[in-house]
């Protein structure tokens, strides 16, 4: 499910945490299973032969929020950041948003 809106633009050389909150997808009493978080990065437009290599470390789970440090993005590339989790009620939930990398002017 597209979570929208897109993340704020990032410049090449920056590295920061991006997160997705699954609170609205969870049922009462349902929790994200620790260690089930998967974050993938793909390219919507532009060129990056190794977009998944932009992940830095493992995802972090804090309640219903999953965060991932991302850096080293390439300029003029529009990325899709996809967060996938499993829950205590057997659901697999996916949220994604987009991130554009631009050279500072």
C-alpha atoms as a PDB file:
ATOM      1  CA  UNK A   1       0.000   0.000   0.000  1.00  0.00           C
ATOM      2  CA  UNK A   2       1.345   3.400  -0.956  1.00  0.00           C
ATOM      3  CA  UNK A   3       1.681   5.334   2.290  1.00  0.00           C
ATOM      4  CA  UNK A   4       2.243   8.766   0.694  1.00  0.00           C
ATOM      5  CA  UNK A   5       3.237  11.486   0.786  1.00  0.00           C
ATOM      6  CA  UNK A   6       6.764  11.069  -0.542  1.00  0.00           C
ATOM      7  CA  UNK A   7       9.709  11.564   1.791  1.00  0.00           C
ATOM      8  CA  UNK A   8      11.533  14.906   1.654  1.00  0.00           C
ATOM      9  CA  UNK A   9      14.266  15.048  -0.965  1.00  0.00           C
ATOM     10  CA  UNK A  10      17.738  13.893   0.002  1.00  0.00           C
ATOM     11  CA  UNK A  11      21.080  15.114  -1.320  1.00  0.00           C
ATOM     12  CA  UNK A  12      23.920  12.780  -2.317  1.00  0.00           C
ATOM     13  CA  UNK A  13      26.208  12.180   0.660  1.00  0.00           C
ATOM     14  CA  UNK A  14      23.430  12.398   3.249  1.00  0.00           C
ATOM     15  CA  UNK A  15      22.528   9.439   5.445  1.00  0.00           C
ATOM     16  CA  UNK A  16      19.456   9.431   7.653  1.00  0.00           C
ATOM     17  CA  UNK A  17      16.684   7.258   9.055  1.00  0.00           C
ATOM     18  CA  UNK A  18      13.425   6.841   7.156  1.00  0.00           C
ATOM     19  CA  UNK A  19      10.470   5.186   8.806  1.00  0.00           C
ATOM     20  CA  UNK A  20       7.045   3.762   8.262  1.00  0.00           C
ATOM     21  CA  UNK A  21       4.389   3.481  10.984  1.00  0.00           C
ATOM     22  CA  UNK A  22       2.064   0.471  10.673  1.00  0.00           C
ATOM     23  CA  UNK A  23      -0.259   1.603  13.487  1.00  0.00           C
ATOM     24  CA  UNK A  24      -3.265   2.000  11.159  1.00  0.00           C
ATOM     25  CA  UNK A  25      -2.798  -1.488   9.657  1.00  0.00           C
ATOM     26  CA  UNK A  26      -2.633  -3.364  12.973  1.00  0.00           C
ATOM     27  CA  UNK A  27      -5.689  -4.880  14.674  1.00  0.00           C
ATOM     28  CA  UNK A  28      -6.332  -4.395  18.404  1.00  0.00           C
ATOM     29  CA  UNK A  29      -3.645  -6.302  20.326  1.00  0.00           C
ATOM     30  CA  UNK A  30      -1.697  -7.183  17.174  1.00  0.00           C
ATOM     31  CA  UNK A  31       2.053  -6.591  17.133  1.00  0.00           C
ATOM     32  CA  UNK A  32       4.834  -6.643  14.580  1.00  0.00           C
ATOM     33  CA  UNK A  33       6.987  -9.721  15.125  1.00  0.00           C
ATOM     34  CA  UNK A  34      10.479  -8.582  16.105  1.00  0.00           C
ATOM     35  CA  UNK A  35      13.032  -9.539  13.473  1.00  0.00           C
ATOM     36  CA  UNK A  36      10.425  -9.823  10.703  1.00  0.00           C
ATOM     37  CA  UNK A  37      11.120  -6.387   9.220  1.00  0.00           C
ATOM     38  CA  UNK A  38      12.383  -6.276   5.640  1.00  0.00           C
ATOM     39  CA  UNK A  39      13.200  -3.020   3.871  1.00  0.00           C
ATOM     40  CA  UNK A  40      13.920  -2.989   0.152  1.00  0.00           C
ATOM     41  CA  UNK A  41      14.947  -0.142  -2.103  1.00  0.00           C
ATOM     42  CA  UNK A  42      14.225  -0.067  -5.820  1.00  0.00           C
ATOM     43  CA  UNK A  43      14.386   2.546  -8.572  1.00  0.00           C
ATOM     44  CA  UNK A  44      11.268   4.143 -10.015  1.00  0.00           C
ATOM     45  CA  UNK A  45      13.166   6.434 -12.394  1.00  0.00           C
ATOM     46  CA  UNK A  46      16.791   7.265 -13.049  1.00  0.00           C
ATOM     47  CA  UNK A  47      19.685   4.844 -12.837  1.00  0.00           C
ATOM     48  CA  UNK A  48      21.159   3.039  -9.830  1.00  0.00           C
ATOM     49  CA  UNK A  49      22.473  -0.474 -10.534  1.00  0.00           C
ATOM     50  CA  UNK A  50      22.551  -1.382  -6.809  1.00  0.00           C
ATOM     51  CA  UNK A  51      19.677   0.419  -5.052  1.00  0.00           C
ATOM     52  CA  UNK A  52      19.420  -2.092  -2.185  1.00  0.00           C
ATOM     53  CA  UNK A  53      23.038  -1.311  -1.267  1.00  0.00           C
ATOM     54  CA  UNK A  54      21.805   2.095  -0.015  1.00  0.00           C
ATOM     55  CA  UNK A  55      20.490   0.447   3.171  1.00  0.00           C
ATOM     56  CA  UNK A  56      22.821   0.991   6.126  1.00  0.00           C
ATOM     57  CA  UNK A  57      22.494  -1.618   8.846  1.00  0.00           C
ATOM     58  CA  UNK A  58      19.348  -3.448   9.876  1.00  0.00           C
ATOM     59  CA  UNK A  59      15.818  -2.055  10.276  1.00  0.00           C
ATOM     60  CA  UNK A  60      14.832  -0.896  13.765  1.00  0.00           C
ATOM     61  CA  UNK A  61      11.433  -1.751  15.301  1.00  0.00           C
ATOM     62  CA  UNK A  62       9.923   0.612  17.887  1.00  0.00           C
ATOM     63  CA  UNK A  63       6.322  -0.387  18.606  1.00  0.00           C
ATOM     64  CA  UNK A  64       4.518  -0.038  15.272  1.00  0.00           C
ATOM     65  CA  UNK A  65       7.284   2.064  13.676  1.00  0.00           C
ATOM     66  CA  UNK A  66       9.956   0.489  11.481  1.00  0.00           C
ATOM     67  CA  UNK A  67      12.982   2.660  10.629  1.00  0.00           C
ATOM     68  CA  UNK A  68      15.880   2.117   8.249  1.00  0.00           C
ATOM     69  CA  UNK A  69      19.034   4.193   7.815  1.00  0.00           C
ATOM     70  CA  UNK A  70      19.564   5.007   4.135  1.00  0.00           C
ATOM     71  CA  UNK A  71      22.466   6.830   2.518  1.00  0.00           C
ATOM     72  CA  UNK A  72      24.687   7.146  -0.500  1.00  0.00           C
ATOM     73  CA  UNK A  73      21.803   7.753  -2.870  1.00  0.00           C
ATOM     74  CA  UNK A  74      22.590   8.778  -6.419  1.00  0.00           C
ATOM     75  CA  UNK A  75      21.493  12.131  -7.859  1.00  0.00           C
ATOM     76  CA  UNK A  76      18.540  12.309 -10.248  1.00  0.00           C
ATOM     77  CA  UNK A  77      17.167   8.977  -9.053  1.00  0.00           C
ATOM     78  CA  UNK A  78      13.652   8.464  -7.707  1.00  0.00           C
ATOM     79  CA  UNK A  79      13.673   5.541  -5.236  1.00  0.00           C
ATOM     80  CA  UNK A  80      10.876   3.406  -3.841  1.00  0.00           C
ATOM     81  CA  UNK A  81      11.380   2.479  -0.173  1.00  0.00           C
ATOM     82  CA  UNK A  82       9.283  -0.577   0.735  1.00  0.00           C
ATOM     83  CA  UNK A  83       8.730  -1.800   4.300  1.00  0.00           C
ATOM     84  CA  UNK A  84       7.394  -5.347   4.841  1.00  0.00           C
ATOM     85  CA  UNK A  85       6.530  -6.868   8.229  1.00  0.00           C
ATOM     86  CA  UNK A  86       4.878  -9.948   9.693  1.00  0.00           C
ATOM     87  CA  UNK A  87       2.468  -9.692  12.612  1.00  0.00           C
ATOM     88  CA  UNK A  88       1.415 -11.727  15.617  1.00  0.00           C
ATOM     89  CA  UNK A  89      -1.940 -12.452  13.884  1.00  0.00           C
ATOM     90  CA  UNK A  90      -0.242 -13.928  10.815  1.00  0.00           C
ATOM     91  CA  UNK A  91      -0.617 -10.909   8.548  1.00  0.00           C
ATOM     92  CA  UNK A  92       2.042  -9.711   6.119  1.00  0.00           C
ATOM     93  CA  UNK A  93       1.837  -5.931   5.793  1.00  0.00           C
ATOM     94  CA  UNK A  94       3.560  -3.746   3.209  1.00  0.00           C
ATOM     95  CA  UNK A  95       3.863   0.033   3.096  1.00  0.00           C
ATOM     96  CA  UNK A  96       5.995   2.056   0.712  1.00  0.00           C
ATOM     97  CA  UNK A  97       6.808   5.610  -0.191  1.00  0.00           C
ATOM     98  CA  UNK A  98       9.136   7.383  -2.604  1.00  0.00           C
ATOM     99  CA  UNK A  99      12.364   9.297  -2.101  1.00  0.00           C
ATOM    100  CA  UNK A 100      14.046  11.550  -4.638  1.00  0.00           C
ATOM    101  CA  UNK A 101      17.760  12.334  -4.566  1.00  0.00           C
ATOM    102  CA  UNK A 102      18.834  15.670  -6.032  1.00  0.00           C
ATOM    103  CA  UNK A 103      22.093  17.614  -6.268  1.00  0.00           C
ATOM    104  CA  UNK A 104      21.986  20.784  -4.183  1.00  0.00           C
ATOM    105  CA  UNK A 105      21.721  23.898  -6.306  1.00  0.00           C
END
